[in-house]
Full PDB file with SEQRES, HELIX, SHEET, SSBOND, CRYST1, ORIGX, SCALE, CONECT and MASTER records, all heavy atoms in Angstrom:
SEQRES   1 A   39  ASP PHE ARG ALA PRO LEU THR ALA THR ASN GLY TYR CYS          
SEQRES   2 A   39  GLY LEU LEU LEU THR GLU ALA LEU GLY THR LEU ASN SER          
SEQRES   3 A   39  ASP GLN LYS GLU VAL LEU ARG ARG MET GLN HIS SER VAL          
HELIX    1 AA1 ARG A    3  LEU A   17  1                                  15    
HELIX    2 AA2 SER A   26  SER A   38  1                                  13    
CRYST1    1.000    1.000    1.000  90.00  90.00  90.00 P 1           1          
ORIGX1      1.000000  0.000000  0.000000        0.00000                         
ORIGX2      0.000000  1.000000  0.000000        0.00000                         
ORIGX3      0.000000  0.000000  1.000000        0.00000                         
SCALE1      1.000000  0.000000  0.000000        0.00000                         
SCALE2      0.000000  1.000000  0.000000        0.00000                         
SCALE3      0.000000  0.000000  1.000000        0.00000                         
ATOM      1  N   ASP A   1     -15.098  87.763 -79.895  1.00  0.00           N  
ATOM      2  CA  ASP A   1     -14.347  87.995 -81.127  1.00  0.00           C  
ATOM      3  C   ASP A   1     -12.849  88.073 -80.866  1.00  0.00           C  
ATOM      4  O   ASP A   1     -12.037  87.764 -81.750  1.00  0.00           O  
ATOM      5  CB  ASP A   1     -14.817  89.296 -81.789  1.00  0.00           C  
ATOM      6  CG  ASP A   1     -16.256  89.210 -82.283  1.00  0.00           C  
ATOM      7  OD1 ASP A   1     -16.742  88.074 -82.472  1.00  0.00           O  
ATOM      8  OD2 ASP A   1     -16.890  90.266 -82.456  1.00  0.00           O  
ATOM      9  N   PHE A   2     -12.481  88.476 -79.661  1.00  0.00           N  
ATOM     10  CA  PHE A   2     -11.075  88.634 -79.297  1.00  0.00           C  
ATOM     11  C   PHE A   2     -10.362  87.286 -79.201  1.00  0.00           C  
ATOM     12  O   PHE A   2      -9.160  87.193 -79.423  1.00  0.00           O  
ATOM     13  CB  PHE A   2     -11.006  89.379 -77.956  1.00  0.00           C  
ATOM     14  CG  PHE A   2      -9.619  89.793 -77.537  1.00  0.00           C  
ATOM     15  CD1 PHE A   2      -8.836  90.568 -78.364  1.00  0.00           C  
ATOM     16  CD2 PHE A   2      -9.117  89.417 -76.308  1.00  0.00           C  
ATOM     17  CE1 PHE A   2      -7.560  90.962 -77.974  1.00  0.00           C  
ATOM     18  CE2 PHE A   2      -7.858  89.797 -75.899  1.00  0.00           C  
ATOM     19  CZ  PHE A   2      -7.072  90.578 -76.743  1.00  0.00           C  
ATOM     20  N   ARG A   3     -11.112  86.235 -78.889  1.00  0.00           N  
ATOM     21  CA  ARG A   3     -10.489  84.922 -78.666  1.00  0.00           C  
ATOM     22  C   ARG A   3      -9.962  84.302 -79.950  1.00  0.00           C  
ATOM     23  O   ARG A   3      -8.983  83.545 -79.930  1.00  0.00           O  
ATOM     24  CB  ARG A   3     -11.482  83.980 -77.993  1.00  0.00           C  
ATOM     25  CG  ARG A   3     -11.819  84.382 -76.575  1.00  0.00           C  
ATOM     26  CD  ARG A   3     -12.625  83.304 -75.878  1.00  0.00           C  
ATOM     27  NE  ARG A   3     -13.921  83.088 -76.507  1.00  0.00           N  
ATOM     28  CZ  ARG A   3     -14.765  82.132 -76.121  1.00  0.00           C  
ATOM     29  NH1 ARG A   3     -14.427  81.322 -75.127  1.00  0.00           N  
ATOM     30  NH2 ARG A   3     -15.939  81.989 -76.702  1.00  0.00           N  
ATOM     31  N   ALA A   4     -10.581  84.573 -81.091  1.00  0.00           N  
ATOM     32  CA  ALA A   4     -10.173  83.940 -82.351  1.00  0.00           C  
ATOM     33  C   ALA A   4      -8.738  84.285 -82.745  1.00  0.00           C  
ATOM     34  O   ALA A   4      -7.934  83.379 -83.021  1.00  0.00           O  
ATOM     35  CB  ALA A   4     -11.157  84.307 -83.462  1.00  0.00           C  
ATOM     36  N   PRO A   5      -8.338  85.572 -82.790  1.00  0.00           N  
ATOM     37  CA  PRO A   5      -6.936  85.863 -83.133  1.00  0.00           C  
ATOM     38  C   PRO A   5      -5.939  85.342 -82.106  1.00  0.00           C  
ATOM     39  O   PRO A   5      -4.804  84.994 -82.446  1.00  0.00           O  
ATOM     40  CB  PRO A   5      -6.902  87.394 -83.228  1.00  0.00           C  
ATOM     41  CG  PRO A   5      -8.099  87.874 -82.496  1.00  0.00           C  
ATOM     42  CD  PRO A   5      -9.135  86.815 -82.653  1.00  0.00           C  
ATOM     43  N   LEU A   6      -6.349  85.277 -80.823  1.00  0.00           N  
ATOM     44  CA  LEU A   6      -5.446  84.713 -79.818  1.00  0.00           C  
ATOM     45  C   LEU A   6      -5.193  83.230 -80.085  1.00  0.00           C  
ATOM     46  O   LEU A   6      -4.054  82.754 -79.975  1.00  0.00           O  
ATOM     47  CB  LEU A   6      -6.049  84.898 -78.419  1.00  0.00           C  
ATOM     48  CG  LEU A   6      -6.020  86.296 -77.832  1.00  0.00           C  
ATOM     49  CD1 LEU A   6      -6.752  86.330 -76.506  1.00  0.00           C  
ATOM     50  CD2 LEU A   6      -4.588  86.778 -77.646  1.00  0.00           C  
ATOM     51  N   THR A   7      -6.248  82.512 -80.432  1.00  0.00           N  
ATOM     52  CA  THR A   7      -6.089  81.090 -80.753  1.00  0.00           C  
ATOM     53  C   THR A   7      -5.179  80.908 -81.957  1.00  0.00           C  
ATOM     54  O   THR A   7      -4.315  80.017 -81.980  1.00  0.00           O  
ATOM     55  CB  THR A   7      -7.459  80.452 -81.024  1.00  0.00           C  
ATOM     56  OG1 THR A   7      -8.293  80.618 -79.872  1.00  0.00           O  
ATOM     57  CG2 THR A   7      -7.321  78.975 -81.339  1.00  0.00           C  
ATOM     58  N   ALA A   8      -5.354  81.761 -82.964  1.00  0.00           N  
ATOM     59  CA  ALA A   8      -4.507  81.673 -84.156  1.00  0.00           C  
ATOM     60  C   ALA A   8      -3.053  81.969 -83.822  1.00  0.00           C  
ATOM     61  O   ALA A   8      -2.138  81.268 -84.284  1.00  0.00           O  
ATOM     62  CB  ALA A   8      -5.022  82.640 -85.221  1.00  0.00           C  
ATOM     63  N   THR A   9      -2.819  83.005 -83.020  1.00  0.00           N  
ATOM     64  CA  THR A   9      -1.441  83.360 -82.643  1.00  0.00           C  
ATOM     65  C   THR A   9      -0.773  82.228 -81.877  1.00  0.00           C  
ATOM     66  O   THR A   9       0.408  81.920 -82.093  1.00  0.00           O  
ATOM     67  CB  THR A   9      -1.444  84.645 -81.801  1.00  0.00           C  
ATOM     68  OG1 THR A   9      -2.085  85.696 -82.527  1.00  0.00           O  
ATOM     69  CG2 THR A   9      -0.033  85.072 -81.451  1.00  0.00           C  
ATOM     70  N   ASN A  10      -1.521  81.606 -80.975  1.00  0.00           N  
ATOM     71  CA  ASN A  10      -0.979  80.482 -80.220  1.00  0.00           C  
ATOM     72  C   ASN A  10      -0.599  79.336 -81.162  1.00  0.00           C  
ATOM     73  O   ASN A  10       0.445  78.700 -81.005  1.00  0.00           O  
ATOM     74  CB  ASN A  10      -2.016  80.003 -79.207  1.00  0.00           C  
ATOM     75  CG  ASN A  10      -1.525  78.832 -78.380  1.00  0.00           C  
ATOM     76  OD1 ASN A  10      -0.432  78.859 -77.825  1.00  0.00           O  
ATOM     77  ND2 ASN A  10      -2.334  77.788 -78.305  1.00  0.00           N  
ATOM     78  N   GLY A  11      -1.451  79.085 -82.168  1.00  0.00           N  
ATOM     79  CA  GLY A  11      -1.147  78.029 -83.131  1.00  0.00           C  
ATOM     80  C   GLY A  11       0.087  78.326 -83.959  1.00  0.00           C  
ATOM     81  O   GLY A  11       0.908  77.426 -84.217  1.00  0.00           O  
ATOM     82  N   TYR A  12       0.260  79.598 -84.362  1.00  0.00           N  
ATOM     83  CA  TYR A  12       1.438  79.965 -85.144  1.00  0.00           C  
ATOM     84  C   TYR A  12       2.718  79.805 -84.323  1.00  0.00           C  
ATOM     85  O   TYR A  12       3.757  79.353 -84.834  1.00  0.00           O  
ATOM     86  CB  TYR A  12       1.320  81.414 -85.626  1.00  0.00           C  
ATOM     87  CG  TYR A  12       0.251  81.622 -86.665  1.00  0.00           C  
ATOM     88  CD1 TYR A  12      -0.529  82.777 -86.663  1.00  0.00           C  
ATOM     89  CD2 TYR A  12       0.005  80.661 -87.652  1.00  0.00           C  
ATOM     90  CE1 TYR A  12      -1.532  82.971 -87.602  1.00  0.00           C  
ATOM     91  CE2 TYR A  12      -0.996  80.852 -88.593  1.00  0.00           C  
ATOM     92  CZ  TYR A  12      -1.755  81.995 -88.568  1.00  0.00           C  
ATOM     93  OH  TYR A  12      -2.734  82.195 -89.510  1.00  0.00           O  
ATOM     94  N   CYS A  13       2.663  80.168 -83.038  1.00  0.00           N  
ATOM     95  CA  CYS A  13       3.838  79.987 -82.174  1.00  0.00           C  
ATOM     96  C   CYS A  13       4.202  78.508 -82.073  1.00  0.00           C  
ATOM     97  O   CYS A  13       5.380  78.131 -82.151  1.00  0.00           O  
ATOM     98  CB  CYS A  13       3.563  80.555 -80.782  1.00  0.00           C  
ATOM     99  SG  CYS A  13       3.510  82.359 -80.688  1.00  0.00           S  
ATOM    100  N   GLY A  14       3.172  77.674 -81.904  1.00  0.00           N  
ATOM    101  CA  GLY A  14       3.430  76.237 -81.833  1.00  0.00           C  
ATOM    102  C   GLY A  14       4.014  75.691 -83.121  1.00  0.00           C  
ATOM    103  O   GLY A  14       4.918  74.832 -83.097  1.00  0.00           O  
ATOM    104  N   LEU A  15       3.515  76.203 -84.257  1.00  0.00           N  
ATOM    105  CA  LEU A  15       4.040  75.755 -85.547  1.00  0.00           C  
ATOM    106  C   LEU A  15       5.506  76.129 -85.706  1.00  0.00           C  
ATOM    107  O   LEU A  15       6.332  75.315 -86.156  1.00  0.00           O  
ATOM    108  CB  LEU A  15       3.207  76.375 -86.674  1.00  0.00           C  
ATOM    109  CG  LEU A  15       3.649  76.058 -88.112  1.00  0.00           C  
ATOM    110  CD1 LEU A  15       3.527  74.563 -88.386  1.00  0.00           C  
ATOM    111  CD2 LEU A  15       2.821  76.863 -89.111  1.00  0.00           C  
ATOM    112  N   LEU A  16       5.854  77.361 -85.334  1.00  0.00           N  
ATOM    113  CA  LEU A  16       7.257  77.786 -85.440  1.00  0.00           C  
ATOM    114  C   LEU A  16       8.159  76.969 -84.522  1.00  0.00           C  
ATOM    115  O   LEU A  16       9.294  76.640 -84.883  1.00  0.00           O  
ATOM    116  CB  LEU A  16       7.365  79.275 -85.105  1.00  0.00           C  
ATOM    117  CG  LEU A  16       6.745  80.242 -86.122  1.00  0.00           C  
ATOM    118  CD1 LEU A  16       6.756  81.663 -85.575  1.00  0.00           C  
ATOM    119  CD2 LEU A  16       7.505  80.181 -87.451  1.00  0.00           C  
ATOM    120  N   LEU A  17       7.658  76.637 -83.327  1.00  0.00           N  
ATOM    121  CA  LEU A  17       8.477  75.861 -82.386  1.00  0.00           C  
ATOM    122  C   LEU A  17       8.759  74.447 -82.885  1.00  0.00           C  
ATOM    123  O   LEU A  17       9.744  73.821 -82.471  1.00  0.00           O  
ATOM    124  CB  LEU A  17       7.783  75.806 -81.023  1.00  0.00           C  
ATOM    125  CG  LEU A  17       7.858  77.087 -80.181  1.00  0.00           C  
ATOM    126  CD1 LEU A  17       6.953  77.005 -78.967  1.00  0.00           C  
ATOM    127  CD2 LEU A  17       9.304  77.353 -79.750  1.00  0.00           C  
ATOM    128  N   THR A  18       7.904  73.923 -83.747  1.00  0.00           N  
ATOM    129  CA  THR A  18       8.173  72.598 -84.325  1.00  0.00           C  
ATOM    130  C   THR A  18       9.263  72.653 -85.383  1.00  0.00           C  
ATOM    131  O   THR A  18       9.729  71.598 -85.841  1.00  0.00           O  
ATOM    132  CB  THR A  18       6.906  72.022 -84.959  1.00  0.00           C  
ATOM    133  OG1 THR A  18       6.485  72.842 -86.057  1.00  0.00           O  
ATOM    134  CG2 THR A  18       5.777  71.916 -83.935  1.00  0.00           C  
ATOM    135  N   GLU A  19       9.652  73.872 -85.759  1.00  0.00           N  
ATOM    136  CA  GLU A  19      10.678  74.101 -86.798  1.00  0.00           C  
ATOM    137  C   GLU A  19      10.255  73.556 -88.158  1.00  0.00           C  
ATOM    138  O   GLU A  19      11.091  73.262 -89.010  1.00  0.00           O  
ATOM    139  CB  GLU A  19      12.022  73.494 -86.384  1.00  0.00           C  
ATOM    140  CG  GLU A  19      12.580  74.103 -85.112  1.00  0.00           C  
ATOM    141  CD  GLU A  19      13.974  73.605 -84.762  1.00  0.00           C  
ATOM    142  OE1 GLU A  19      14.128  72.366 -84.643  1.00  0.00           O  
ATOM    143  OE2 GLU A  19      14.881  74.431 -84.639  1.00  0.00           O  
ATOM    144  N   ALA A  20       8.953  73.454 -88.378  1.00  0.00           N  
ATOM    145  CA  ALA A  20       8.461  73.011 -89.687  1.00  0.00           C  
ATOM    146  C   ALA A  20       8.734  74.052 -90.764  1.00  0.00           C  
ATOM    147  O   ALA A  20       8.823  73.721 -91.956  1.00  0.00           O  
ATOM    148  CB  ALA A  20       6.961  72.727 -89.607  1.00  0.00           C  
ATOM    149  N   LEU A  21       8.889  75.315 -90.375  1.00  0.00           N  
ATOM    150  CA  LEU A  21       9.148  76.390 -91.344  1.00  0.00           C  
ATOM    151  C   LEU A  21      10.604  76.832 -91.347  1.00  0.00           C  
ATOM    152  O   LEU A  21      10.952  77.829 -91.971  1.00  0.00           O  
ATOM    153  CB  LEU A  21       8.246  77.596 -91.031  1.00  0.00           C  
ATOM    154  CG  LEU A  21       6.738  77.327 -91.034  1.00  0.00           C  
ATOM    155  CD1 LEU A  21       5.960  78.597 -90.726  1.00  0.00           C  
ATOM    156  CD2 LEU A  21       6.304  76.762 -92.378  1.00  0.00           C  
ATOM    157  N   GLY A  22      11.454  76.102 -90.662  1.00  0.00           N  
ATOM    158  CA  GLY A  22      12.875  76.444 -90.625  1.00  0.00           C  
ATOM    159  C   GLY A  22      13.448  76.260 -89.238  1.00  0.00           C  
ATOM    160  O   GLY A  22      12.724  76.282 -88.240  1.00  0.00           O  
ATOM    161  N   THR A  23      14.742  76.074 -89.175  1.00  0.00           N  
ATOM    162  CA  THR A  23      15.403  75.851 -87.889  1.00  0.00           C  
ATOM    163  C   THR A  23      15.486  77.148 -87.093  1.00  0.00           C  
ATOM    164  O   THR A  23      15.544  78.248 -87.651  1.00  0.00           O  
ATOM    165  CB  THR A  23      16.819  75.287 -88.110  1.00  0.00           C  
ATOM    166  OG1 THR A  23      17.573  76.208 -88.914  1.00  0.00           O  
ATOM    167  CG2 THR A  23      16.756  73.931 -88.794  1.00  0.00           C  
ATOM    168  N   LEU A  24      15.493  77.006 -85.773  1.00  0.00           N  
ATOM    169  CA  LEU A  24      15.576  78.138 -84.867  1.00  0.00           C  
ATOM    170  C   LEU A  24      16.709  77.920 -83.885  1.00  0.00           C  
ATOM    171  O   LEU A  24      17.004  76.767 -83.495  1.00  0.00           O  
ATOM    172  CB  LEU A  24      14.265  78.309 -84.089  1.00  0.00           C  
ATOM    173  CG  LEU A  24      12.973  78.522 -84.893  1.00  0.00           C  
ATOM    174  CD1 LEU A  24      11.778  78.468 -83.945  1.00  0.00           C  
ATOM    175  CD2 LEU A  24      13.002  79.848 -85.625  1.00  0.00           C  
ATOM    176  N   ASN A  25      17.354  79.018 -83.477  1.00  0.00           N  
ATOM    177  CA  ASN A  25      18.368  78.873 -82.429  1.00  0.00           C  
ATOM    178  C   ASN A  25      17.683  78.902 -81.064  1.00  0.00           C  
ATOM    179  O   ASN A  25      16.481  79.148 -80.943  1.00  0.00           O  
ATOM    180  CB  ASN A  25      19.433  79.959 -82.552  1.00  0.00           C  
ATOM    181  CG  ASN A  25      18.862  81.369 -82.432  1.00  0.00           C  
ATOM    182  OD1 ASN A  25      18.004  81.628 -81.594  1.00  0.00           O  
ATOM    183  ND2 ASN A  25      19.342  82.287 -83.285  1.00  0.00           N  
ATOM    184  N   SER A  26      18.419  78.664 -80.018  1.00  0.00           N  
ATOM    185  CA  SER A  26      17.845  78.528 -78.683  1.00  0.00           C  
ATOM    186  C   SER A  26      17.190  79.821 -78.200  1.00  0.00           C  
ATOM    187  O   SER A  26      16.150  79.792 -77.535  1.00  0.00           O  
ATOM    188  CB  SER A  26      18.922  78.090 -77.691  1.00  0.00           C  
ATOM    189  OG  SER A  26      19.992  79.031 -77.665  1.00  0.00           O  
ATOM    190  N   ASP A  27      17.787  80.978 -78.528  1.00  0.00           N  
ATOM    191  CA  ASP A  27      17.194  82.250 -78.107  1.00  0.00           C  
ATOM    192  C   ASP A  27      15.854  82.484 -78.788  1.00  0.00           C  
ATOM    193  O   ASP A  27      14.895  82.960 -78.158  1.00  0.00           O  
ATOM    194  CB  ASP A  27      18.148  83.398 -78.429  1.00  0.00           C  
ATOM    195  CG  ASP A  27      19.385  83.397 -77.543  1.00  0.00           C  
ATOM    196  OD1 ASP A  27      19.325  82.794 -76.454  1.00  0.00           O  
ATOM    197  OD2 ASP A  27      20.399  84.002 -77.943  1.00  0.00           O  
ATOM    198  N   GLN A  28      15.769  82.158 -80.072  1.00  0.00           N  
ATOM    199  CA  GLN A  28      14.509  82.333 -80.787  1.00  0.00           C  
ATOM    200  C   GLN A  28      13.411  81.432 -80.219  1.00  0.00           C  
ATOM    201  O   GLN A  28      12.262  81.845 -80.069  1.00  0.00           O  
ATOM    202  CB  GLN A  28      14.720  82.053 -82.275  1.00  0.00           C  
ATOM    203  CG  GLN A  28      15.577  83.093 -82.985  1.00  0.00           C  
ATOM    204  CD  GLN A  28      15.955  82.664 -84.389  1.00  0.00           C  
ATOM    205  OE1 GLN A  28      16.102  81.465 -84.675  1.00  0.00           O  
ATOM    206  NE2 GLN A  28      16.149  83.637 -85.284  1.00  0.00           N  
ATOM    207  N   LYS A  29      13.785  80.190 -79.894  1.00  0.00           N  
ATOM    208  CA  LYS A  29      12.818  79.272 -79.305  1.00  0.00           C  
ATOM    209  C   LYS A  29      12.321  79.788 -77.959  1.00  0.00           C  
ATOM    210  O   LYS A  29      11.126  79.692 -77.642  1.00  0.00           O  
ATOM    211  CB  LYS A  29      13.433  77.887 -79.145  1.00  0.00           C  
ATOM    212  CG  LYS A  29      13.637  77.132 -80.447  1.00  0.00           C  
ATOM    213  CD  LYS A  29      14.188  75.740 -80.170  1.00  0.00           C  
ATOM    214  CE  LYS A  29      14.355  74.949 -81.469  1.00  0.00           C  
ATOM    215  NZ  LYS A  29      14.883  73.593 -81.224  1.00  0.00           N  
ATOM    216  N   GLU A  30      13.248  80.353 -77.167  1.00  0.00           N  
ATOM    217  CA  GLU A  30      12.854  80.861 -75.859  1.00  0.00           C  
ATOM    218  C   GLU A  30      11.883  82.030 -76.001  1.00  0.00           C  
ATOM    219  O   GLU A  30      10.898  82.134 -75.262  1.00  0.00           O  
ATOM    220  CB  GLU A  30      14.088  81.301 -75.066  1.00  0.00           C  
ATOM    221  CG  GLU A  30      13.794  81.878 -73.680  1.00  0.00           C  
ATOM    222  CD  GLU A  30      13.105  80.871 -72.769  1.00  0.00           C  
ATOM    223  OE1 GLU A  30      13.253  79.657 -72.986  1.00  0.00           O  
ATOM    224  OE2 GLU A  30      12.419  81.331 -71.828  1.00  0.00           O  
ATOM    225  N   VAL A  31      12.138  82.930 -76.961  1.00  0.00           N  
ATOM    226  CA  VAL A  31      11.229  84.050 -77.199  1.00  0.00           C  
ATOM    227  C   VAL A  31       9.851  83.541 -77.615  1.00  0.00           C  
ATOM    228  O   VAL A  31       8.810  84.012 -77.129  1.00  0.00           O  
ATOM    229  CB  VAL A  31      11.803  84.999 -78.272  1.00  0.00           C  
ATOM    230  CG1 VAL A  31      10.746  86.015 -78.710  1.00  0.00           C  
ATOM    231  CG2 VAL A  31      13.027  85.729 -77.743  1.00  0.00           C  
ATOM    232  N   LEU A  32       9.810  82.541 -78.496  1.00  0.00           N  
ATOM    233  CA  LEU A  32       8.531  81.986 -78.945  1.00  0.00           C  
ATOM    234  C   LEU A  32       7.783  81.313 -77.803  1.00  0.00           C  
ATOM    235  O   LEU A  32       6.554  81.419 -77.700  1.00  0.00           O  
ATOM    236  CB  LEU A  32       8.758  80.992 -80.079  1.00  0.00           C  
ATOM    237  CG  LEU A  32       9.008  81.597 -81.463  1.00  0.00           C  
ATOM    238  CD1 LEU A  32       9.416  80.514 -82.451  1.00  0.00           C  
ATOM    239  CD2 LEU A  32       7.757  82.312 -81.962  1.00  0.00           C  
ATOM    240  N   ARG A  33       8.510  80.627 -76.933  1.00  0.00           N  
ATOM    241  CA  ARG A  33       7.852  79.976 -75.798  1.00  0.00           C  
ATOM    242  C   ARG A  33       7.239  81.021 -74.864  1.00  0.00           C  
ATOM    243  O   ARG A  33       6.133  80.832 -74.339  1.00  0.00           O  
ATOM    244  CB  ARG A  33       8.850  79.086 -75.044  1.00  0.00           C  
ATOM    245  CG  ARG A  33       9.034  77.701 -75.661  1.00  0.00           C  
ATOM    246  CD  ARG A  33       9.793  76.781 -74.735  1.00  0.00           C  
ATOM    247  NE  ARG A  33      11.210  77.130 -74.696  1.00  0.00           N  
ATOM    248  CZ  ARG A  33      12.141  76.599 -75.456  1.00  0.00           C  
ATOM    249  NH1 ARG A  33      11.808  75.665 -76.349  1.00  0.00           N  
ATOM    250  NH2 ARG A  33      13.407  76.957 -75.358  1.00  0.00           N  
ATOM    251  N   ARG A  34       7.967  82.133 -74.648  1.00  0.00           N  
ATOM    252  CA  ARG A  34       7.425  83.194 -73.801  1.00  0.00           C  
ATOM    253  C   ARG A  34       6.208  83.840 -74.454  1.00  0.00           C  
ATOM    254  O   ARG A  34       5.224  84.168 -73.779  1.00  0.00           O  
ATOM    255  CB  ARG A  34       8.505  84.243 -73.518  1.00  0.00           C  
ATOM    256  CG  ARG A  34       9.609  83.744 -72.580  1.00  0.00           C  
ATOM    257  CD  ARG A  34      10.658  84.805 -72.334  1.00  0.00           C  
ATOM    258  NE  ARG A  34      11.683  84.337 -71.413  1.00  0.00           N  
ATOM    259  CZ  ARG A  34      11.611  84.448 -70.090  1.00  0.00           C  
ATOM    260  NH1 ARG A  34      10.545  85.022 -69.549  1.00  0.00           N  
ATOM    261  NH2 ARG A  34      12.579  84.013 -69.319  1.00  0.00           N  
ATOM    262  N   MET A  35       6.275  84.035 -75.775  1.00  0.00           N  
ATOM    263  CA  MET A  35       5.117  84.574 -76.490  1.00  0.00           C  
ATOM    264  C   MET A  35       3.920  83.644 -76.349  1.00  0.00           C  
ATOM    265  O   MET A  35       2.796  84.084 -76.087  1.00  0.00           O  
ATOM    266  CB  MET A  35       5.460  84.765 -77.973  1.00  0.00           C  
ATOM    267  CG  MET A  35       6.378  85.927 -78.270  1.00  0.00           C  
ATOM    268  SD  MET A  35       6.821  86.002 -80.027  1.00  0.00           S  
ATOM    269  CE  MET A  35       5.192  86.085 -80.780  1.00  0.00           C  
ATOM    270  N   GLN A  36       4.169  82.350 -76.524  1.00  0.00           N  
ATOM    271  CA  GLN A  36       3.077  81.380 -76.434  1.00  0.00           C  
ATOM    272  C   GLN A  36       2.495  81.358 -75.033  1.00  0.00           C  
ATOM    273  O   GLN A  36       1.274  81.254 -74.853  1.00  0.00           O  
ATOM    274  CB  GLN A  36       3.580  79.998 -76.835  1.00  0.00           C  
ATOM    275  CG  GLN A  36       2.484  78.983 -77.065  1.00  0.00           C  
ATOM    276  CD  GLN A  36       3.025  77.678 -77.603  1.00  0.00           C  
ATOM    277  OE1 GLN A  36       4.062  77.184 -77.168  1.00  0.00           O  
ATOM    278  NE2 GLN A  36       2.305  77.091 -78.561  1.00  0.00           N  
ATOM    279  N   HIS A  37       3.366  81.462 -74.043  1.00  0.00           N  
ATOM    280  CA  HIS A  37       2.900  81.489 -72.649  1.00  0.00           C  
ATOM    281  C   HIS A  37       1.986  82.698 -72.415  1.00  0.00           C  
ATOM    282  O   HIS A  37       0.908  82.582 -71.805  1.00  0.00           O  
ATOM    283  CB  HIS A  37       4.101  81.531 -71.710  1.00  0.00           C  
ATOM    284  CG  HIS A  37       3.734  81.723 -70.268  1.00  0.00           C  
ATOM    285  ND1 HIS A  37       3.194  80.728 -69.497  1.00  0.00           N  
ATOM    286  CD2 HIS A  37       3.831  82.822 -69.461  1.00  0.00           C  
ATOM    287  CE1 HIS A  37       2.971  81.182 -68.270  1.00  0.00           C  
ATOM    288  NE2 HIS A  37       3.353  82.452 -68.227  1.00  0.00           N  
ATOM    289  N   SER A  38       2.388  83.879 -72.905  1.00  0.00           N  
ATOM    290  CA  SER A  38       1.588  85.090 -72.727  1.00  0.00           C  
ATOM    291  C   SER A  38       0.270  84.997 -73.482  1.00  0.00           C  
ATOM    292  O   SER A  38      -0.782  85.417 -72.977  1.00  0.00           O  
ATOM    293  CB  SER A  38       2.383  86.318 -73.205  1.00  0.00           C  
ATOM    294  OG  SER A  38       3.548  86.509 -72.414  1.00  0.00           O  
ATOM    295  N   VAL A  39       0.311  84.440 -74.685  1.00  0.00           N  
ATOM    296  CA  VAL A  39      -0.907  84.308 -75.479  1.00  0.00           C  
ATOM    297  C   VAL A  39      -1.886  83.364 -74.793  1.00  0.00           C  
ATOM    298  O   VAL A  39      -3.097  83.609 -74.769  1.00  0.00           O  
ATOM    299  CB  VAL A  39      -0.578  83.814 -76.898  1.00  0.00           C  
ATOM    300  CG1 VAL A  39      -1.849  83.405 -77.634  1.00  0.00           C  
ATOM    301  CG2 VAL A  39       0.141  84.895 -77.687  1.00  0.00           C  
TER     302      VAL A  39                                                      
MASTER        0    0    0    2    0    0    0    6  301    1    0    3          
END                                                                             
């Protein structure tokens, strides 16, 4: 059951990194990449 929310979180990080929901600065992208790496 624990794997499902992790998969969703990883997908949301990837979606944000594509900037489909808005532009991001370099620091924000780096934080998201680190989050995705940990997830």
